[in-house]
PDB file of N, CA and C in Angstrom:
ATOM      1  N   UNK A   1       0.816  -1.194   0.000  1.00  0.00           N
ATOM      2  CA  UNK A   1       0.000   0.000   0.000  1.00  0.00           C
ATOM      3  C   UNK A   1       0.867   1.269   0.000  1.00  0.00           C
ATOM      4  N   UNK A   2       1.963   1.253   0.740  1.00  0.00           N
ATOM      5  CA  UNK A   2       2.855   2.416   0.766  1.00  0.00           C
ATOM      6  C   UNK A   2       3.492   2.668  -0.589  1.00  0.00           C
ATOM      7  N   UNK A   3       3.834   1.584  -1.287  1.00  0.00           N
ATOM      8  CA  UNK A   3       4.450   1.735  -2.610  1.00  0.00           C
ATOM      9  C   UNK A   3       3.472   2.395  -3.583  1.00  0.00           C
ATOM     10  N   UNK A   4       2.214   2.007  -3.513  1.00  0.00           N
ATOM     11  CA  UNK A   4       1.207   2.588  -4.386  1.00  0.00           C
ATOM     12  C   UNK A   4       1.000   4.075  -4.071  1.00  0.00           C
ATOM     13  N   UNK A   5       0.980   4.416  -2.798  1.00  0.00           N
ATOM     14  CA  UNK A   5       0.828   5.810  -2.390  1.00  0.00           C
ATOM     15  C   UNK A   5       2.025   6.642  -2.853  1.00  0.00           C
ATOM     16  N   UNK A   6       3.220   6.097  -2.691  1.00  0.00           N
ATOM     17  CA  UNK A   6       4.428   6.803  -3.128  1.00  0.00           C
ATOM     18  C   UNK A   6       4.430   6.984  -4.643  1.00  0.00           C
ATOM     19  N   UNK A   7       4.001   5.963  -5.365  1.00  0.00           N
ATOM     20  CA  UNK A   7       3.955   6.037  -6.823  1.00  0.00           C
ATOM     21  C   UNK A   7       2.945   7.114  -7.272  1.00  0.00           C
ATOM     22  N   UNK A   8       1.788   7.145  -6.656  1.00  0.00           N
ATOM     23  CA  UNK A   8       0.790   8.160  -6.993  1.00  0.00           C
ATOM     24  C   UNK A   8       1.300   9.568  -6.683  1.00  0.00           C
ATOM     25  N   UNK A   9       2.013   9.725  -5.599  1.00  0.00           N
ATOM     26  CA  UNK A   9       2.583  11.013  -5.236  1.00  0.00           C
ATOM     27  C   UNK A   9       3.595  11.475  -6.284  1.00  0.00           C
ATOM     28  N   UNK A  10       4.469  10.589  -6.712  1.00  0.00           N
ATOM     29  CA  UNK A  10       5.484  10.923  -7.715  1.00  0.00           C
ATOM     30  C   UNK A  10       4.818  11.263  -9.044  1.00  0.00           C
ATOM     31  N   UNK A  11       3.802  10.493  -9.418  1.00  0.00           N
ATOM     32  CA  UNK A  11       3.099  10.771 -10.674  1.00  0.00           C
ATOM     33  C   UNK A  11       2.392  12.126 -10.629  1.00  0.00           C
ATOM     34  N   UNK A  12       1.800  12.462  -9.497  1.00  0.00           N
ATOM     35  CA  UNK A  12       1.134  13.764  -9.408  1.00  0.00           C
ATOM     36  C   UNK A  12       2.148  14.911  -9.448  1.00  0.00           C
ATOM     37  N   UNK A  13       3.336  14.712  -8.868  1.00  0.00           N
ATOM     38  CA  UNK A  13       4.378  15.742  -8.969  1.00  0.00           C
ATOM     39  C   UNK A  13       4.841  15.918 -10.408  1.00  0.00           C
ATOM     40  N   UNK A  14       4.987  14.822 -11.120  1.00  0.00           N
ATOM     41  CA  UNK A  14       5.404  14.900 -12.527  1.00  0.00           C
ATOM     42  C   UNK A  14       4.356  15.617 -13.372  1.00  0.00           C
ATOM     43  N   UNK A  15       3.089  15.306 -13.156  1.00  0.00           N
ATOM     44  CA  UNK A  15       2.041  15.974 -13.934  1.00  0.00           C
ATOM     45  C   UNK A  15       1.964  17.460 -13.587  1.00  0.00           C
ATOM     46  N   UNK A  16       2.178  17.804 -12.339  1.00  0.00           N
ATOM     47  CA  UNK A  16       2.193  19.209 -11.945  1.00  0.00           C
ATOM     48  C   UNK A  16       3.333  19.953 -12.630  1.00  0.00           C
ATOM     49  N   UNK A  17       4.484  19.313 -12.728  1.00  0.00           N
ATOM     50  CA  UNK A  17       5.631  19.923 -13.403  1.00  0.00           C
ATOM     51  C   UNK A  17       5.314  20.170 -14.875  1.00  0.00           C
ATOM     52  N   UNK A  18       4.692  19.204 -15.536  1.00  0.00           N
ATOM     53  CA  UNK A  18       4.354  19.364 -16.947  1.00  0.00           C
ATOM     54  C   UNK A  18       3.349  20.486 -17.165  1.00  0.00           C
ATOM     55  N   UNK A  19       2.366  20.579 -16.312  1.00  0.00           N
ATOM     56  CA  UNK A  19       1.345  21.617 -16.454  1.00  0.00           C
ATOM     57  C   UNK A  19       1.931  23.000 -16.182  1.00  0.00           C
ATOM     58  N   UNK A  20       2.791  23.113 -15.210  1.00  0.00           N
ATOM     59  CA  UNK A  20       3.340  24.429 -14.877  1.00  0.00           C
ATOM     60  C   UNK A  20       4.371  24.908 -15.887  1.00  0.00           C
ATOM     61  N   UNK A  21       5.014  24.012 -16.613  1.00  0.00           N
ATOM     62  CA  UNK A  21       6.014  24.442 -17.592  1.00  0.00           C
ATOM     63  C   UNK A  21       5.395  24.710 -18.958  1.00  0.00           C
ATOM     64  N   UNK A  22       4.191  24.279 -19.211  1.00  0.00           N
ATOM     65  CA  UNK A  22       3.553  24.465 -20.512  1.00  0.00           C
ATOM     66  C   UNK A  22       3.343  25.935 -20.872  1.00  0.00           C
ATOM     67  N   UNK A  23       2.858  26.804 -19.981  1.00  0.00           N
ATOM     68  CA  UNK A  23       2.638  28.201 -20.384  1.00  0.00           C
ATOM     69  C   UNK A  23       3.912  28.922 -20.808  1.00  0.00           C
ATOM     70  N   UNK A  24       5.044  28.595 -20.213  1.00  0.00           N
ATOM     71  CA  UNK A  24       6.289  29.255 -20.592  1.00  0.00           C
ATOM     72  C   UNK A  24       6.642  28.940 -22.024  1.00  0.00           C
ATOM     73  N   UNK A  25       6.521  27.675 -22.420  1.00  0.00           N
ATOM     74  CA  UNK A  25       6.838  27.286 -23.794  1.00  0.00           C
ATOM     75  C   UNK A  25       5.914  28.000 -24.765  1.00  0.00           C
ATOM     76  N   UNK A  26       4.640  28.128 -24.423  1.00  0.00           N
ATOM     77  CA  UNK A  26       3.695  28.820 -25.280  1.00  0.00           C
ATOM     78  C   UNK A  26       4.015  30.306 -25.353  1.00  0.00           C
ATOM     79  N   UNK A  27       4.348  30.886 -24.221  1.00  0.00           N
ATOM     80  CA  UNK A  27       4.662  32.313 -24.169  1.00  0.00           C
ATOM     81  C   UNK A  27       5.888  32.628 -25.020  1.00  0.00           C
ATOM     82  N   UNK A  28       6.891  31.766 -25.012  1.00  0.00           N
ATOM     83  CA  UNK A  28       8.102  32.005 -25.787  1.00  0.00           C
ATOM     84  C   UNK A  28       7.764  32.116 -27.264  1.00  0.00           C
ATOM     85  N   UNK A  29       6.938  31.208 -27.760  1.00  0.00           N
ATOM     86  CA  UNK A  29       6.620  31.218 -29.180  1.00  0.00           C
ATOM     87  C   UNK A  29       5.786  32.422 -29.581  1.00  0.00           C
ATOM     88  N   UNK A  30       4.918  32.886 -28.720  1.00  0.00           N
ATOM     89  CA  UNK A  30       4.040  33.981 -29.106  1.00  0.00           C
ATOM     90  C   UNK A  30       4.624  35.355 -28.828  1.00  0.00           C
ATOM     91  N   UNK A  31       5.590  35.479 -27.970  1.00  0.00           N
ATOM     92  CA  UNK A  31       6.079  36.794 -27.576  1.00  0.00           C
ATOM     93  C   UNK A  31       7.466  37.124 -28.116  1.00  0.00           C
ATOM     94  N   UNK A  32       8.119  36.196 -28.775  1.00  0.00           N
ATOM     95  CA  UNK A  32       9.441  36.449 -29.350  1.00  0.00           C
ATOM     96  C   UNK A  32       9.350  36.506 -30.870  1.00  0.00           C
ATOM     97  N   UNK A  33      10.281  37.210 -31.470  1.00  0.00           N
ATOM     98  CA  UNK A  33      10.338  37.300 -32.933  1.00  0.00           C
ATOM     99  C   UNK A  33      11.419  36.363 -33.449  1.00  0.00           C
ATOM    100  N   UNK A  34      11.082  35.579 -34.462  1.00  0.00           N
ATOM    101  CA  UNK A  34      12.087  34.692 -35.045  1.00  0.00           C
ATOM    102  C   UNK A  34      12.806  35.377 -36.205  1.00  0.00           C
ATOM    103  N   UNK A  35      12.108  36.272 -36.877  1.00  0.00           N
ATOM    104  CA  UNK A  35      12.720  37.064 -37.960  1.00  0.00           C
ATOM    105  C   UNK A  35      12.204  38.494 -37.865  1.00  0.00           C
ATOM    106  N   UNK A  36      12.959  39.399 -38.438  1.00  0.00           N
ATOM    107  CA  UNK A  36      12.542  40.803 -38.472  1.00  0.00           C
ATOM    108  C   UNK A  36      12.459  41.229 -39.934  1.00  0.00           C
ATOM    109  N   UNK A  37      11.230  41.418 -40.432  1.00  0.00           N
ATOM    110  CA  UNK A  37      11.092  41.834 -41.835  1.00  0.00           C
ATOM    111  C   UNK A  37      11.585  43.264 -42.038  1.00  0.00           C
ATOM    112  N   UNK A  38      11.933  43.581 -43.259  1.00  0.00           N
ATOM    113  CA  UNK A  38      12.456  44.916 -43.560  1.00  0.00           C
ATOM    114  C   UNK A  38      11.355  45.880 -43.981  1.00  0.00           C
ATOM    115  N   UNK A  39      10.107  45.403 -44.055  1.00  0.00           N
ATOM    116  CA  UNK A  39       9.034  46.292 -44.489  1.00  0.00           C
ATOM    117  C   UNK A  39       8.763  47.387 -43.470  1.00  0.00           C
ATOM    118  N   UNK A  40       8.322  48.502 -43.976  1.00  0.00           N
ATOM    119  CA  UNK A  40       8.007  49.660 -43.125  1.00  0.00           C
ATOM    120  C   UNK A  40       6.490  49.768 -43.012  1.00  0.00           C
ATOM    121  N   UNK A  41       6.000  49.879 -41.792  1.00  0.00           N
ATOM    122  CA  UNK A  41       4.563  49.965 -41.547  1.00  0.00           C
ATOM    123  C   UNK A  41       4.159  51.439 -41.524  1.00  0.00           C
ATOM    124  N   UNK A  42       3.122  51.810 -42.259  1.00  0.00           N
ATOM    125  CA  UNK A  42       2.661  53.207 -42.191  1.00  0.00           C
ATOM    126  C   UNK A  42       2.218  53.552 -40.767  1.00  0.00           C
ATOM    127  N   UNK A  43       2.592  54.729 -40.295  1.00  0.00           N
ATOM    128  CA  UNK A  43       2.272  55.140 -38.928  1.00  0.00           C
ATOM    129  C   UNK A  43       0.772  55.135 -38.648  1.00  0.00           C
ATOM    130  N   UNK A  44      -0.030  55.438 -39.651  1.00  0.00           N
ATOM    131  CA  UNK A  44      -1.485  55.473 -39.449  1.00  0.00           C
ATOM    132  C   UNK A  44      -2.067  54.085 -39.171  1.00  0.00           C
ATOM    133  N   UNK A  45      -1.332  53.019 -39.522  1.00  0.00           N
ATOM    134  CA  UNK A  45      -1.821  51.657 -39.307  1.00  0.00           C
ATOM    135  C   UNK A  45      -1.414  51.080 -37.958  1.00  0.00           C
ATOM    136  N   UNK A  46      -0.546  51.767 -37.224  1.00  0.00           N
ATOM    137  CA  UNK A  46      -0.047  51.250 -35.946  1.00  0.00           C
ATOM    138  C   UNK A  46      -0.980  51.676 -34.816  1.00  0.00           C
ATOM    139  N   UNK A  47      -1.426  50.688 -34.053  1.00  0.00           N
ATOM    140  CA  UNK A  47      -2.304  50.954 -32.918  1.00  0.00           C
ATOM    141  C   UNK A  47      -1.501  50.985 -31.623  1.00  0.00           C
ATOM    142  N   UNK A  48      -0.575  50.045 -31.475  1.00  0.00           N
ATOM    143  CA  UNK A  48       0.238  49.980 -30.259  1.00  0.00           C
ATOM    144  C   UNK A  48       1.537  49.245 -30.570  1.00  0.00           C
ATOM    145  N   UNK A  49       2.407  49.219 -29.576  1.00  0.00           N
ATOM    146  CA  UNK A  49       3.664  48.489 -29.726  1.00  0.00           C
ATOM    147  C   UNK A  49       4.096  47.970 -28.369  1.00  0.00           C
ATOM    148  N   UNK A  50       5.000  47.000 -28.392  1.00  0.00           N
ATOM    149  CA  UNK A  50       5.623  46.464 -27.184  1.00  0.00           C
ATOM    150  C   UNK A  50       7.012  45.975 -27.555  1.00  0.00           C
ATOM    151  N   UNK A  51       7.849  45.837 -26.552  1.00  0.00           N
ATOM    152  CA  UNK A  51       9.182  45.274 -26.786  1.00  0.00           C
ATOM    153  C   UNK A  51       9.134  43.787 -26.444  1.00  0.00           C
ATOM    154  N   UNK A  52       9.994  43.031 -27.072  1.00  0.00           N
ATOM    155  CA  UNK A  52      10.047  41.609 -26.763  1.00  0.00           C
ATOM    156  C   UNK A  52      10.695  41.406 -25.400  1.00  0.00           C
ATOM    157  N   UNK A  53      10.455  40.268 -24.825  1.00  0.00           N
ATOM    158  CA  UNK A  53      10.977  39.933 -23.506  1.00  0.00           C
ATOM    159  C   UNK A  53      12.505  39.852 -23.538  1.00  0.00           C
ATOM    160  N   UNK A  54      13.121  40.094 -22.400  1.00  0.00           N
ATOM    161  CA  UNK A  54      14.584  39.989 -22.321  1.00  0.00           C
ATOM    162  C   UNK A  54      15.051  38.534 -22.467  1.00  0.00           C
ATOM    163  N   UNK A  55      14.135  37.582 -22.319  1.00  0.00           N
ATOM    164  CA  UNK A  55      14.504  36.173 -22.490  1.00  0.00           C
ATOM    165  C   UNK A  55      14.487  35.748 -23.959  1.00  0.00           C
ATOM    166  N   UNK A  56      14.034  36.623 -24.835  1.00  0.00           N
ATOM    167  CA  UNK A  56      14.018  36.312 -26.275  1.00  0.00           C
ATOM    168  C   UNK A  56      15.426  36.418 -26.851  1.00  0.00           C
ATOM    169  N   UNK A  57      15.750  35.572 -27.818  1.00  0.00           N
ATOM    170  CA  UNK A  57      17.097  35.622 -28.407  1.00  0.00           C
ATOM    171  C   UNK A  57      17.339  36.850 -29.272  1.00  0.00           C
ATOM    172  N   UNK A  58      16.261  37.474 -29.757  1.00  0.00           N
ATOM    173  CA  UNK A  58      16.394  38.614 -30.652  1.00  0.00           C
ATOM    174  C   UNK A  58      15.596  39.795 -30.088  1.00  0.00           C
ATOM    175  N   UNK A  59      16.249  40.947 -29.925  1.00  0.00           N
ATOM    176  CA  UNK A  59      15.531  42.144 -29.475  1.00  0.00           C
ATOM    177  C   UNK A  59      14.721  42.689 -30.638  1.00  0.00           C
ATOM    178  N   UNK A  60      13.478  43.049 -30.343  1.00  0.00           N
ATOM    179  CA  UNK A  60      12.616  43.585 -31.389  1.00  0.00           C
ATOM    180  C   UNK A  60      11.486  44.395 -30.773  1.00  0.00           C
ATOM    181  N   UNK A  61      10.878  45.210 -31.621  1.00  0.00           N
ATOM    182  CA  UNK A  61       9.659  45.921 -31.281  1.00  0.00           C
ATOM    183  C   UNK A  61       8.540  45.218 -32.044  1.00  0.00           C
ATOM    184  N   UNK A  62       7.445  44.939 -31.358  1.00  0.00           N
ATOM    185  CA  UNK A  62       6.305  44.281 -32.001  1.00  0.00           C
ATOM    186  C   UNK A  62       5.178  45.299 -32.092  1.00  0.00           C
ATOM    187  N   UNK A  63       4.825  45.660 -33.323  1.00  0.00           N
ATOM    188  CA  UNK A  63       3.743  46.600 -33.562  1.00  0.00           C
ATOM    189  C   UNK A  63       2.444  45.839 -33.771  1.00  0.00           C
ATOM    190  N   UNK A  64       1.364  46.374 -33.233  1.00  0.00           N
ATOM    191  CA  UNK A  64       0.033  45.843 -33.499  1.00  0.00           C
ATOM    192  C   UNK A  64      -0.653  46.825 -34.433  1.00  0.00           C
ATOM    193  N   UNK A  65      -1.182  46.305 -35.538  1.00  0.00           N
ATOM    194  CA  UNK A  65      -1.807  47.158 -36.540  1.00  0.00           C
ATOM    195  C   UNK A  65      -3.312  47.266 -36.310  1.00  0.00           C
ATOM    196  N   UNK A  66      -3.946  48.101 -37.109  1.00  0.00           N
ATOM    197  CA  UNK A  66      -5.388  48.293 -37.045  1.00  0.00           C
ATOM    198  C   UNK A  66      -6.111  46.960 -37.280  1.00  0.00           C
ATOM    199  N   UNK A  67      -5.550  46.125 -38.125  1.00  0.00           N
ATOM    200  CA  UNK A  67      -6.149  44.810 -38.419  1.00  0.00           C
ATOM    201  C   UNK A  67      -5.729  43.737 -37.411  1.00  0.00           C
ATOM    202  N   UNK A  68      -5.129  44.181 -36.308  1.00  0.00           N
ATOM    203  CA  UNK A  68      -4.695  43.309 -35.208  1.00  0.00           C
ATOM    204  C   UNK A  68      -3.586  42.322 -35.593  1.00  0.00           C
ATOM    205  N   UNK A  69      -2.839  42.659 -36.611  1.00  0.00           N
ATOM    206  CA  UNK A  69      -1.664  41.863 -36.953  1.00  0.00           C
ATOM    207  C   UNK A  69      -0.515  42.329 -36.081  1.00  0.00           C
ATOM    208  N   UNK A  70       0.349  41.405 -35.688  1.00  0.00           N
ATOM    209  CA  UNK A  70       1.534  41.768 -34.924  1.00  0.00           C
ATOM    210  C   UNK A  70       2.744  41.581 -35.823  1.00  0.00           C
ATOM    211  N   UNK A  71       3.489  42.663 -35.971  1.00  0.00           N
ATOM    212  CA  UNK A  71       4.626  42.672 -36.895  1.00  0.00           C
ATOM    213  C   UNK A  71       5.880  43.083 -36.136  1.00  0.00           C
ATOM    214  N   UNK A  72       6.915  42.280 -36.264  1.00  0.00           N
ATOM    215  CA  UNK A  72       8.198  42.566 -35.612  1.00  0.00           C
ATOM    216  C   UNK A  72       8.959  43.617 -36.411  1.00  0.00           C
ATOM    217  N   UNK A  73       9.747  44.410 -35.696  1.00  0.00           N
ATOM    218  CA  UNK A  73      10.543  45.444 -36.346  1.00  0.00           C
ATOM    219  C   UNK A  73      11.859  45.634 -35.591  1.00  0.00           C
ATOM    220  N   UNK A  74      12.853  46.104 -36.312  1.00  0.00           N
ATOM    221  CA  UNK A  74      14.175  46.354 -35.748  1.00  0.00           C
ATOM    222  C   UNK A  74      14.145  47.610 -34.886  1.00  0.00           C
ATOM    223  N   UNK A  75      14.458  47.512 -33.585  1.00  0.00           N
ATOM    224  CA  UNK A  75      14.390  48.693 -32.721  1.00  0.00           C
ATOM    225  C   UNK A  75      15.385  49.793 -33.067  1.00  0.00           C
ATOM    226  N   UNK A  76      16.415  49.468 -33.842  1.00  0.00           N
ATOM    227  CA  UNK A  76      17.402  50.492 -34.200  1.00  0.00           C
ATOM    228  C   UNK A  76      17.063  51.205 -35.513  1.00  0.00           C
ATOM    229  N   UNK A  77      16.034  50.768 -36.210  1.00  0.00           N
ATOM    230  CA  UNK A  77      15.645  51.412 -37.470  1.00  0.00           C
ATOM    231  C   UNK A  77      15.050  52.791 -37.184  1.00  0.00           C
ATOM    232  N   UNK A  78      15.413  53.801 -37.977  1.00  0.00           N
ATOM    233  CA  UNK A  78      14.912  55.162 -37.738  1.00  0.00           C
ATOM    234  C   UNK A  78      13.386  55.269 -37.751  1.00  0.00           C
ATOM    235  N   UNK A  79      12.718  54.568 -38.667  1.00  0.00           N
ATOM    236  CA  UNK A  79      11.258  54.654 -38.732  1.00  0.00           C
ATOM    237  C   UNK A  79      10.601  54.047 -37.502  1.00  0.00           C
ATOM    238  N   UNK A  80      11.240  53.027 -36.903  1.00  0.00           N
ATOM    239  CA  UNK A  80      10.708  52.392 -35.695  1.00  0.00           C
ATOM    240  C   UNK A  80      10.807  53.371 -34.527  1.00  0.00           C
ATOM    241  N   UNK A  81      11.945  54.044 -34.417  1.00  0.00           N
ATOM    242  CA  UNK A  81      12.114  55.045 -33.354  1.00  0.00           C
ATOM    243  C   UNK A  81      11.083  56.158 -33.493  1.00  0.00           C
ATOM    244  N   UNK A  82      10.829  56.587 -34.723  1.00  0.00           N
ATOM    245  CA  UNK A  82       9.832  57.635 -34.967  1.00  0.00           C
ATOM    246  C   UNK A  82       8.435  57.130 -34.598  1.00  0.00           C
ATOM    247  N   UNK A  83       8.119  55.892 -34.947  1.00  0.00           N
ATOM    248  CA  UNK A  83       6.790  55.332 -34.653  1.00  0.00           C
ATOM    249  C   UNK A  83       6.553  55.233 -33.160  1.00  0.00           C
ATOM    250  N   UNK A  84       7.598  54.925 -32.401  1.00  0.00           N
ATOM    251  CA  UNK A  84       7.476  54.810 -30.939  1.00  0.00           C
ATOM    252  C   UNK A  84       7.221  56.180 -30.322  1.00  0.00           C
ATOM    253  N   UNK A  85       7.862  57.221 -30.858  1.00  0.00           N
ATOM    254  CA  UNK A  85       7.711  58.564 -30.306  1.00  0.00           C
ATOM    255  C   UNK A  85       6.428  59.274 -30.735  1.00  0.00           C
ATOM    256  N   UNK A  86       5.818  58.799 -31.829  1.00  0.00           N
ATOM    257  CA  UNK A  86       4.603  59.429 -32.323  1.00  0.00           C
ATOM    258  C   UNK A  86       3.417  59.034 -31.451  1.00  0.00           C
ATOM    259  N   UNK A  87       2.685  60.022 -30.918  1.00  0.00           N
ATOM    260  CA  UNK A  87       1.522  59.681 -30.073  1.00  0.00           C
ATOM    261  C   UNK A  87       0.448  58.945 -30.866  1.00  0.00           C
ATOM    262  N   UNK A  88      -0.170  57.967 -30.211  1.00  0.00           N
ATOM    263  CA  UNK A  88      -1.254  57.201 -30.867  1.00  0.00           C
ATOM    264  C   UNK A  88      -2.588  57.849 -30.514  1.00  0.00           C
ATOM    265  N   UNK A  89      -3.547  57.822 -31.459  1.00  0.00           N
ATOM    266  CA  UNK A  89      -4.850  58.448 -31.204  1.00  0.00           C
ATOM    267  C   UNK A  89      -5.665  57.720 -30.155  1.00  0.00           C
TER     268      UNK A  89
END
């Protein structure tokens, strides 16, 4: 009986570990940029922006457009700096 209780305890710890680590893996894929396109987004189409997490391998600015698309951009590009400083309506 003790062996069964110990086995159930270990299995529940393993399942807890799997459940708690799942959101991080999902967050990494959705919040980091894998590539940075060279296209320039018109300022009138930008609704908001955010910076990628410090845990991401590539630093980037992620713009959200009027159509709710999220587009990565190079933070050192002059147009990106201008877009960040321009007030949003």
